[in-house]
């Protein structure tokens, strides 16, 4: 974070709680709730629902893919709205709709029910839950952006541990319908009120500056350094930067790769003979290891160029997928879970940081909103391409091999993304 060299967070008012940390806690709770509509969870439902209704895996996956792309388009509107008005009302409505979607999934009887509800659910999560941390955290933190973003993301990691286990246990003792309803109620109970009561737009609205600097003290001759001066690209300026396109291409590759793996992880392992219990443990190990890794990555991003950390995560991901291709027993599935979780722990943390580090926080929602249609198109195609590959060839080998190669390409694109200067725009 070159623009912030030499700046240190304020120490004079240590006893005063900085509201930005309340924002971090609330976003972590929201990201936990958002874990219900992530691919590891949806993938656990794939087997029982396709078995009961006789659907192919591609048909089961298709509405999620459509919804992801529609969510990307909706982000063109949602991102600037978050910049201008904040995320409180947007996220409250999104949480209410997400919980309702899951409760109604428990009553699905026809294919069109599944399509309507999952298109709605994926549209909501792609345009709001996937955006909110990357938009809100940069507005509240500059110097401590890395650690704040990592802590906010912990909720999703916890959700990815808890919800697959929860679903698998309910499937053993009950039905997939009960599991859908239980998760919908969990979404409402955990995050609806925190979002409504505590989310705020930015510290300047409340007499503060990022990282807890009191706006009354900024610039006074008290020995305290002034807050760092950030770059402030608007959307048009970002579009004239080569880094914008290189990073956009890299995150789109990441989206294709991680969604194809996450969605079909459970099915792939059970297909090759790994037990359902071991497959769920493998799924859970990934977010479990990613939690300490993401904290370490967040702290490192405050000292090491975020571009390098992001590139390392891509190369690590490529290596872990290569291992996945040879996984056929519980032990290797656990090893893959740990390796892939390490890669995503780094990547998902620094990916939310790099946009604000490169382009500033003033128009971060609008800038990320411009990337989101392509990003979410890749997100939608990952699970669908893997499902088609399986339906046509009876195996996931082809699509996972392509994913390993693409991961290495993504790391190279990130290394080529030179930090833009305002004169570049």
Protein backbone atom coordinates (compact mmCIF):
# COMPACT_ATOMS: atom_id res chain seq x y z
CA UNK A 1 0.00 0.00 0.00
CA UNK A 2 2.45 2.59 -1.23
CA UNK A 3 0.29 5.65 -0.69
CA UNK A 4 0.24 5.02 3.07
CA UNK A 5 3.96 4.63 3.81
CA UNK A 6 5.00 6.28 7.05
CA UNK A 7 1.46 6.62 8.36
CA UNK A 8 0.52 4.92 11.61
CA UNK A 9 -2.95 4.43 13.07
CA UNK A 10 -3.80 6.95 15.78
CA UNK A 11 -2.84 6.18 19.36
CA UNK A 12 -4.12 9.19 21.25
CA UNK A 13 -7.73 7.99 21.59
CA UNK A 14 -7.13 4.29 22.10
CA UNK A 15 -9.87 3.98 24.70
CA UNK A 16 -12.48 5.15 22.22
CA UNK A 17 -14.03 2.31 20.23
CA UNK A 18 -13.71 2.93 16.51
CA UNK A 19 -17.06 2.19 14.88
CA UNK A 20 -15.26 0.67 11.91
CA UNK A 21 -14.68 -2.45 14.01
CA UNK A 22 -18.43 -2.69 14.59
CA UNK A 23 -18.79 -2.61 10.82
CA UNK A 24 -16.26 -5.45 10.55
CA UNK A 25 -18.21 -7.58 13.04
CA UNK A 26 -21.53 -6.98 11.28
CA UNK A 27 -20.04 -7.75 7.87
CA UNK A 28 -18.58 -10.96 9.25
CA UNK A 29 -22.03 -11.98 10.49
CA UNK A 30 -23.54 -11.12 7.11
CA UNK A 31 -20.87 -13.05 5.25
CA UNK A 32 -21.61 -16.04 7.50
CA UNK A 33 -25.25 -15.91 6.43
CA UNK A 34 -24.18 -15.55 2.80
CA UNK A 35 -22.41 -18.88 3.09
CA UNK A 36 -25.73 -20.66 2.57
CA UNK A 37 -25.84 -19.75 -1.13
CA UNK A 38 -22.22 -20.58 -1.88
CA UNK A 39 -21.20 -23.43 -4.11
CA UNK A 40 -19.96 -25.88 -1.44
CA UNK A 41 -23.43 -25.81 0.14
CA UNK A 42 -25.39 -25.95 -3.11
CA UNK A 43 -23.21 -28.84 -4.22
CA UNK A 44 -24.28 -30.96 -1.23
CA UNK A 45 -27.92 -30.62 -2.32
CA UNK A 46 -27.10 -31.71 -5.87
CA UNK A 47 -27.14 -35.47 -5.26
CA UNK A 48 -30.41 -35.86 -3.35
CA UNK A 49 -32.34 -33.41 -5.53
CA UNK A 50 -31.18 -34.81 -8.87
CA UNK A 51 -31.86 -38.33 -7.61
CA UNK A 52 -35.40 -37.48 -6.51
CA UNK A 53 -36.42 -35.48 -9.57
CA UNK A 54 -34.32 -37.23 -12.23
CA UNK A 55 -32.59 -34.01 -13.30
CA UNK A 56 -29.13 -33.96 -14.85
CA UNK A 57 -26.37 -32.13 -13.01
CA UNK A 58 -26.29 -29.50 -15.74
CA UNK A 59 -30.02 -28.81 -15.30
CA UNK A 60 -29.61 -28.56 -11.53
CA UNK A 61 -26.72 -26.12 -11.98
CA UNK A 62 -28.20 -23.96 -14.76
CA UNK A 63 -30.42 -21.62 -12.66
CA UNK A 64 -27.51 -20.82 -10.34
CA UNK A 65 -25.45 -19.91 -13.38
CA UNK A 66 -28.19 -17.69 -14.80
CA UNK A 67 -28.67 -16.01 -11.43
CA UNK A 68 -24.94 -15.38 -11.01
CA UNK A 69 -24.79 -13.59 -14.36
CA UNK A 70 -27.92 -11.57 -13.60
CA UNK A 71 -26.38 -10.60 -10.27
CA UNK A 72 -23.32 -9.35 -12.11
CA UNK A 73 -25.53 -7.12 -14.26
CA UNK A 74 -27.41 -5.90 -11.19
CA UNK A 75 -24.06 -4.92 -9.63
CA UNK A 76 -23.76 -2.16 -12.22
CA UNK A 77 -26.57 -0.48 -10.29
CA UNK A 78 -25.96 -1.80 -6.78
CA UNK A 79 -22.28 -0.78 -6.63
CA UNK A 80 -22.85 2.95 -7.24
CA UNK A 81 -25.86 2.86 -4.88
CA UNK A 82 -23.63 1.50 -2.11
CA UNK A 83 -21.13 4.28 -2.81
CA UNK A 84 -23.79 6.97 -2.59
CA UNK A 85 -26.26 5.73 0.02
CA UNK A 86 -24.45 2.99 1.92
CA UNK A 87 -25.30 -0.67 2.26
CA UNK A 88 -27.72 -0.79 5.22
CA UNK A 89 -31.05 -0.88 3.37
CA UNK A 90 -29.63 -2.83 0.43
CA UNK A 91 -28.27 -5.59 2.66
CA UNK A 92 -31.37 -5.72 4.86
CA UNK A 93 -33.56 -6.35 1.82
CA UNK A 94 -31.04 -8.83 0.41
CA UNK A 95 -30.96 -10.84 3.65
CA UNK A 96 -34.76 -10.92 3.83
CA UNK A 97 -34.98 -12.19 0.24
CA UNK A 98 -32.21 -14.75 0.74
CA UNK A 99 -33.89 -16.28 3.78
CA UNK A 100 -37.23 -16.40 1.97
CA UNK A 101 -35.63 -18.10 -1.03
CA UNK A 102 -34.24 -20.89 1.12
CA UNK A 103 -37.45 -21.44 3.05
CA UNK A 104 -39.38 -21.72 -0.22
CA UNK A 105 -36.78 -24.13 -1.64
CA UNK A 106 -38.07 -26.61 0.92
CA UNK A 107 -41.37 -26.68 -0.98
CA UNK A 108 -40.00 -27.24 -4.51
CA UNK A 109 -42.12 -29.66 -6.54
CA UNK A 110 -41.38 -28.69 -10.15
CA UNK A 111 -38.29 -27.77 -12.13
CA UNK A 112 -39.56 -24.23 -12.69
CA UNK A 113 -39.80 -23.75 -8.91
CA UNK A 114 -36.11 -24.60 -8.64
CA UNK A 115 -35.25 -22.26 -11.51
CA UNK A 116 -37.25 -19.32 -10.20
CA UNK A 117 -35.92 -19.54 -6.65
CA UNK A 118 -32.28 -20.21 -7.47
CA UNK A 119 -32.15 -17.49 -10.11
CA UNK A 120 -33.49 -15.09 -7.47
CA UNK A 121 -31.13 -16.36 -4.79
CA UNK A 122 -28.01 -16.20 -6.91
CA UNK A 123 -28.95 -12.78 -8.30
CA UNK A 124 -29.29 -11.44 -4.76
CA UNK A 125 -26.08 -12.93 -3.42
CA UNK A 126 -23.97 -12.03 -6.46
CA UNK A 127 -25.07 -8.40 -6.49
CA UNK A 128 -24.95 -7.76 -2.74
CA UNK A 129 -23.24 -10.33 -0.49
CA UNK A 130 -20.33 -10.77 -2.90
CA UNK A 131 -19.89 -6.99 -3.16
CA UNK A 132 -20.46 -5.58 0.29
CA UNK A 133 -17.16 -6.36 2.04
CA UNK A 134 -15.09 -5.10 -0.88
CA UNK A 135 -17.07 -1.84 -0.97
CA UNK A 136 -17.63 -1.06 2.71
CA UNK A 137 -14.32 -2.08 4.33
CA UNK A 138 -12.18 0.19 2.08
CA UNK A 139 -14.31 3.16 3.07
CA UNK A 140 -13.64 2.58 6.79
CA UNK A 141 -9.99 1.47 6.64
CA UNK A 142 -6.86 2.40 4.72
CA UNK A 143 -3.79 1.47 6.76
CA UNK A 144 -5.57 -1.42 8.52
CA UNK A 145 -7.55 -2.43 5.44
CA UNK A 146 -5.86 -5.82 5.19
CA UNK A 147 -6.66 -7.05 8.68
CA UNK A 148 -10.16 -5.54 8.62
CA UNK A 149 -11.00 -7.24 5.34
CA UNK A 150 -9.63 -10.56 6.56
CA UNK A 151 -11.68 -10.40 9.76
CA UNK A 152 -14.84 -9.49 7.86
CA UNK A 153 -14.34 -12.49 5.58
CA UNK A 154 -14.06 -14.91 8.50
CA UNK A 155 -17.83 -15.20 8.66
CA UNK A 156 -18.08 -16.71 5.21
CA UNK A 157 -15.35 -19.19 6.06
CA UNK A 158 -17.30 -20.22 9.16
CA UNK A 159 -20.44 -20.56 7.06
CA UNK A 160 -18.62 -22.77 4.59
CA UNK A 161 -17.57 -25.00 7.48
CA UNK A 162 -20.90 -25.10 9.27
CA UNK A 163 -23.47 -25.23 6.50
CA UNK A 164 -22.19 -28.25 4.50
CA UNK A 165 -21.92 -30.22 7.75
CA UNK A 166 -25.35 -29.02 8.82
CA UNK A 167 -26.90 -30.03 5.49
CA UNK A 168 -25.16 -33.40 5.39
CA UNK A 169 -26.31 -34.23 8.94
CA UNK A 170 -29.90 -33.21 8.17
CA UNK A 171 -29.82 -35.32 5.00
CA UNK A 172 -28.76 -38.33 7.05
CA UNK A 173 -31.50 -37.91 9.65
CA UNK A 174 -34.19 -36.07 7.68
CA UNK A 175 -34.67 -34.65 4.20
CA UNK A 176 -33.22 -32.04 1.88
CA UNK A 177 -36.44 -30.03 2.28
CA UNK A 178 -35.85 -29.66 6.00
CA UNK A 179 -32.27 -28.60 5.32
CA UNK A 180 -33.33 -25.78 2.98
CA UNK A 181 -35.82 -24.41 5.51
CA UNK A 182 -33.33 -24.65 8.38
CA UNK A 183 -30.78 -22.60 6.48
CA UNK A 184 -33.31 -19.96 5.50
CA UNK A 185 -34.31 -19.46 9.12
CA UNK A 186 -30.62 -19.31 10.07
CA UNK A 187 -30.05 -16.49 7.58
CA UNK A 188 -32.86 -14.41 9.07
CA UNK A 189 -31.94 -15.12 12.68
CA UNK A 190 -28.24 -14.39 12.33
CA UNK A 191 -27.99 -11.29 10.18
CA UNK A 192 -31.26 -9.44 9.52
CA UNK A 193 -31.22 -7.21 12.61
CA UNK A 194 -27.44 -6.57 12.67
CA UNK A 195 -27.57 -5.30 9.08
CA UNK A 196 -30.57 -3.06 9.73
CA UNK A 197 -29.30 -1.61 13.00
CA UNK A 198 -25.54 -1.23 12.61
CA UNK A 199 -24.37 -0.81 9.01
CA UNK A 200 -23.19 2.70 8.12
CA UNK A 201 -21.84 4.22 4.90
CA UNK A 202 -18.46 5.76 5.77
CA UNK A 203 -16.62 7.30 8.76
CA UNK A 204 -16.75 10.87 7.42
CA UNK A 205 -20.52 10.81 7.95
CA UNK A 206 -19.86 10.41 11.69
CA UNK A 207 -17.04 12.85 12.39
CA UNK A 208 -14.22 10.38 11.78
CA UNK A 209 -11.69 9.42 9.18
CA UNK A 210 -10.59 5.91 8.14
CA UNK A 211 -8.70 3.80 10.70
CA UNK A 212 -10.26 5.75 13.58
CA UNK A 213 -8.69 9.15 13.03
CA UNK A 214 -10.92 11.79 14.62
CA UNK A 215 -11.71 14.40 12.00
CA UNK A 216 -11.27 17.17 14.61
CA UNK A 217 -7.64 16.16 15.14
CA UNK A 218 -6.66 15.73 11.50
CA UNK A 219 -4.05 18.27 10.50
CA UNK A 220 -3.58 19.73 14.00
CA UNK A 221 -0.10 20.36 15.19
CA UNK A 222 -0.21 17.66 17.85
CA UNK A 223 2.56 15.53 16.43
CA UNK A 224 0.09 13.21 14.80
CA UNK A 225 0.51 12.52 11.14
CA UNK A 226 -2.33 13.45 8.84
CA UNK A 227 -4.31 10.64 7.26
CA UNK A 228 -2.79 9.25 4.07
CA UNK A 229 -3.78 10.84 0.80
CA UNK A 230 -5.28 8.15 -1.42
CA UNK A 231 -5.61 8.04 -5.15
CA UNK A 232 -9.19 8.64 -6.25
CA UNK A 233 -10.03 7.16 -9.63
CA UNK A 234 -13.55 7.49 -10.94
CA UNK A 235 -15.03 4.89 -13.27
CA UNK A 236 -13.96 6.57 -16.49
CA UNK A 237 -10.39 6.95 -15.27
CA UNK A 238 -10.25 3.32 -14.17
CA UNK A 239 -11.41 2.19 -17.61
CA UNK A 240 -8.40 3.92 -19.16
CA UNK A 241 -5.98 1.96 -16.98
CA UNK A 242 -4.39 -1.27 -18.22
CA UNK A 243 -4.35 -2.57 -14.64
CA UNK A 244 -8.15 -2.48 -14.55
CA UNK A 245 -8.42 -4.98 -17.41
CA UNK A 246 -5.61 -7.23 -16.20
CA UNK A 247 -7.07 -7.50 -12.70
CA UNK A 248 -10.58 -7.94 -14.10
CA UNK A 249 -9.37 -10.82 -16.28
CA UNK A 250 -7.56 -12.41 -13.35
CA UNK A 251 -10.54 -12.25 -10.97
CA UNK A 252 -12.80 -13.61 -13.71
CA UNK A 253 -10.47 -16.58 -14.10
CA UNK A 254 -10.53 -17.06 -10.33
CA UNK A 255 -14.31 -17.00 -10.36
CA UNK A 256 -14.54 -19.72 -13.02
CA UNK A 257 -12.00 -21.92 -11.28
CA UNK A 258 -13.17 -21.67 -7.68
CA UNK A 259 -16.86 -22.02 -8.48
CA UNK A 260 -16.34 -25.10 -10.65
CA UNK A 261 -14.26 -26.71 -7.89
CA UNK A 262 -16.46 -25.65 -4.98
CA UNK A 263 -19.74 -26.63 -6.59
CA UNK A 264 -18.63 -30.09 -7.71
CA UNK A 265 -16.11 -30.83 -4.94
CA UNK A 266 -18.47 -33.08 -2.98
CA UNK A 267 -19.82 -34.83 -6.08
CA UNK A 268 -16.35 -35.39 -7.54
CA UNK A 269 -15.02 -36.97 -4.36
CA UNK A 270 -18.02 -39.25 -3.88
CA UNK A 271 -17.85 -40.21 -7.57
CA UNK A 272 -14.24 -41.42 -7.17
CA UNK A 273 -15.08 -43.50 -4.11
CA UNK A 274 -14.47 -41.13 -1.20
CA UNK A 275 -17.17 -41.50 1.47
CA UNK A 276 -19.71 -38.73 1.99
CA UNK A 277 -18.36 -38.13 5.50
CA UNK A 278 -14.80 -37.73 4.23
CA UNK A 279 -15.99 -35.48 1.40
CA UNK A 280 -17.70 -33.15 3.87
CA UNK A 281 -14.60 -33.12 6.08
CA UNK A 282 -12.51 -32.19 3.03
CA UNK A 283 -14.94 -29.38 2.22
CA UNK A 284 -14.79 -28.14 5.80
CA UNK A 285 -11.00 -28.27 6.07
CA UNK A 286 -10.68 -25.72 3.27
CA UNK A 287 -12.44 -22.81 5.02
CA UNK A 288 -11.00 -23.95 8.36
CA UNK A 289 -7.40 -23.49 7.23
CA UNK A 290 -8.32 -20.41 5.23
CA UNK A 291 -9.29 -18.51 8.40
CA UNK A 292 -5.80 -18.19 9.92
CA UNK A 293 -4.31 -17.91 6.44
CA UNK A 294 -6.61 -15.00 5.57
CA UNK A 295 -5.65 -13.16 8.76
CA UNK A 296 -1.97 -13.63 7.92
CA UNK A 297 -2.61 -12.50 4.35
CA UNK A 298 -4.46 -9.42 5.55
CA UNK A 299 -1.59 -8.42 7.82
CA UNK A 300 0.94 -9.16 5.10
CA UNK A 301 -1.01 -6.99 2.63
CA UNK A 302 -0.29 -3.99 4.87
CA UNK A 303 3.44 -4.53 4.33
CA UNK A 304 3.93 -6.50 1.10
CA UNK A 305 2.64 -5.39 -2.32
CA UNK A 306 -0.80 -6.93 -2.62
CA UNK A 307 -0.10 -7.78 -6.26
CA UNK A 308 2.59 -10.29 -5.24
CA UNK A 309 0.41 -11.96 -2.63
CA UNK A 310 -2.40 -12.32 -5.13
CA UNK A 311 -0.11 -13.88 -7.76
CA UNK A 312 1.24 -16.38 -5.22
CA UNK A 313 -2.30 -17.46 -4.37
CA UNK A 314 -3.04 -18.22 -8.03
CA UNK A 315 0.07 -20.36 -8.45
CA UNK A 316 -0.68 -22.17 -5.21
CA UNK A 317 -4.21 -22.81 -6.43
CA UNK A 318 -2.91 -24.31 -9.68
CA UNK A 319 -0.72 -26.73 -7.73
CA UNK A 320 -3.56 -27.76 -5.41
CA UNK A 321 -5.91 -28.51 -8.33
CA UNK A 322 -3.20 -30.69 -9.87
CA UNK A 323 -3.30 -32.73 -6.65
CA UNK A 324 -7.11 -32.86 -6.81
CA UNK A 325 -6.92 -34.60 -10.18
CA UNK A 326 -5.14 -37.53 -8.51
CA UNK A 327 -7.30 -37.64 -5.38
CA UNK A 328 -9.09 -40.95 -4.84
CA UNK A 329 -9.02 -41.49 -1.08
CA UNK A 330 -9.85 -39.68 2.14
CA UNK A 331 -6.26 -38.74 3.01
CA UNK A 332 -5.61 -37.04 -0.32
CA UNK A 333 -8.99 -35.31 -0.13
CA UNK A 334 -7.99 -33.84 3.24
CA UNK A 335 -4.64 -32.71 1.82
CA UNK A 336 -6.41 -31.02 -1.08
CA UNK A 337 -8.82 -29.29 1.28
CA UNK A 338 -5.92 -27.83 3.24
CA UNK A 339 -3.97 -26.74 0.16
CA UNK A 340 -6.93 -25.27 -1.69
CA UNK A 341 -8.08 -23.52 1.48
CA UNK A 342 -4.65 -21.95 1.85
CA UNK A 343 -4.82 -20.61 -1.70
CA UNK A 344 -8.34 -19.22 -1.34
CA UNK A 345 -7.57 -17.83 2.12
CA UNK A 346 -4.93 -15.60 0.54
CA UNK A 347 -6.83 -14.88 -2.66
CA UNK A 348 -10.24 -13.95 -1.25
CA UNK A 349 -8.58 -11.57 1.20
CA UNK A 350 -6.27 -9.70 -1.15
CA UNK A 351 -8.81 -9.67 -3.99
CA UNK A 352 -10.99 -7.34 -1.90
CA UNK A 353 -7.99 -5.14 -1.12
CA UNK A 354 -6.37 -4.69 -4.51
CA UNK A 355 -9.21 -2.69 -6.08
CA UNK A 356 -9.15 -0.04 -3.35
CA UNK A 357 -5.34 -0.02 -3.20
CA UNK A 358 -5.10 0.56 -6.94
CA UNK A 359 -8.08 2.87 -7.55
CA UNK A 360 -9.00 4.41 -4.18
CA UNK A 361 -12.20 4.17 -2.18
CA UNK A 362 -14.33 7.05 -3.44
CA UNK A 363 -15.85 5.15 -6.39
CA UNK A 364 -14.98 1.61 -5.32
CA UNK A 365 -18.56 0.35 -5.60
CA UNK A 366 -18.96 1.74 -9.09
CA UNK A 367 -15.60 0.40 -10.26
CA UNK A 368 -16.25 -3.07 -8.89
CA UNK A 369 -19.74 -2.93 -10.33
CA UNK A 370 -18.25 -2.49 -13.81
CA UNK A 371 -16.19 -5.65 -13.37
CA UNK A 372 -19.00 -7.67 -11.89
CA UNK A 373 -20.88 -8.65 -15.09
CA UNK A 374 -17.79 -10.34 -16.55
CA UNK A 375 -16.75 -11.65 -13.14
CA UNK A 376 -20.17 -13.17 -12.48
CA UNK A 377 -20.47 -14.53 -16.02
CA UNK A 378 -17.32 -16.52 -15.26
CA UNK A 379 -18.81 -17.43 -11.90
CA UNK A 380 -21.91 -18.74 -13.65
CA UNK A 381 -19.98 -20.70 -16.26
CA UNK A 382 -17.66 -22.51 -13.83
CA UNK A 383 -20.24 -24.87 -12.27
CA UNK A 384 -22.12 -25.21 -15.56
CA UNK A 385 -19.01 -26.11 -17.57
CA UNK A 386 -18.06 -28.71 -14.97
CA UNK A 387 -21.58 -30.17 -15.03
CA UNK A 388 -21.57 -30.35 -18.83
CA UNK A 389 -18.14 -31.97 -18.76
CA UNK A 390 -19.42 -34.61 -16.36
CA UNK A 391 -22.66 -35.22 -18.25
CA UNK A 392 -20.83 -35.58 -21.59
CA UNK A 393 -17.71 -37.48 -20.53
CA UNK A 394 -18.69 -39.01 -17.19
CA UNK A 395 -15.77 -37.23 -15.52
CA UNK A 396 -14.59 -33.87 -14.25
CA UNK A 397 -10.98 -34.42 -15.36
CA UNK A 398 -11.08 -32.16 -18.43
CA UNK A 399 -12.59 -29.11 -16.75
CA UNK A 400 -10.39 -29.42 -13.66
CA UNK A 401 -7.27 -29.70 -15.82
CA UNK A 402 -8.29 -26.51 -17.63
CA UNK A 403 -8.87 -24.88 -14.24
CA UNK A 404 -5.32 -25.66 -13.11
CA UNK A 405 -3.87 -24.09 -16.27
CA UNK A 406 -6.13 -21.03 -15.99
CA UNK A 407 -5.02 -20.49 -12.39
CA UNK A 408 -1.40 -20.21 -13.49
CA UNK A 409 -2.43 -17.78 -16.24
CA UNK A 410 -4.31 -15.67 -13.69
CA UNK A 411 -1.23 -15.34 -11.51
CA UNK A 412 0.78 -14.09 -14.47
CA UNK A 413 -1.88 -11.50 -15.36
CA UNK A 414 -1.76 -10.13 -11.82
CA UNK A 415 2.01 -9.76 -11.97
CA UNK A 416 1.61 -7.74 -15.17
CA UNK A 417 -0.91 -5.37 -13.54
CA UNK A 418 1.26 -2.35 -12.70
CA UNK A 419 -0.19 -0.02 -10.07
CA UNK A 420 -1.85 2.83 -12.01
CA UNK A 421 -1.11 6.49 -11.46
CA UNK A 422 -3.63 9.27 -11.78
CA UNK A 423 -1.71 10.51 -14.80
CA UNK A 424 -2.40 7.14 -16.46
CA UNK A 425 -6.10 7.93 -16.37
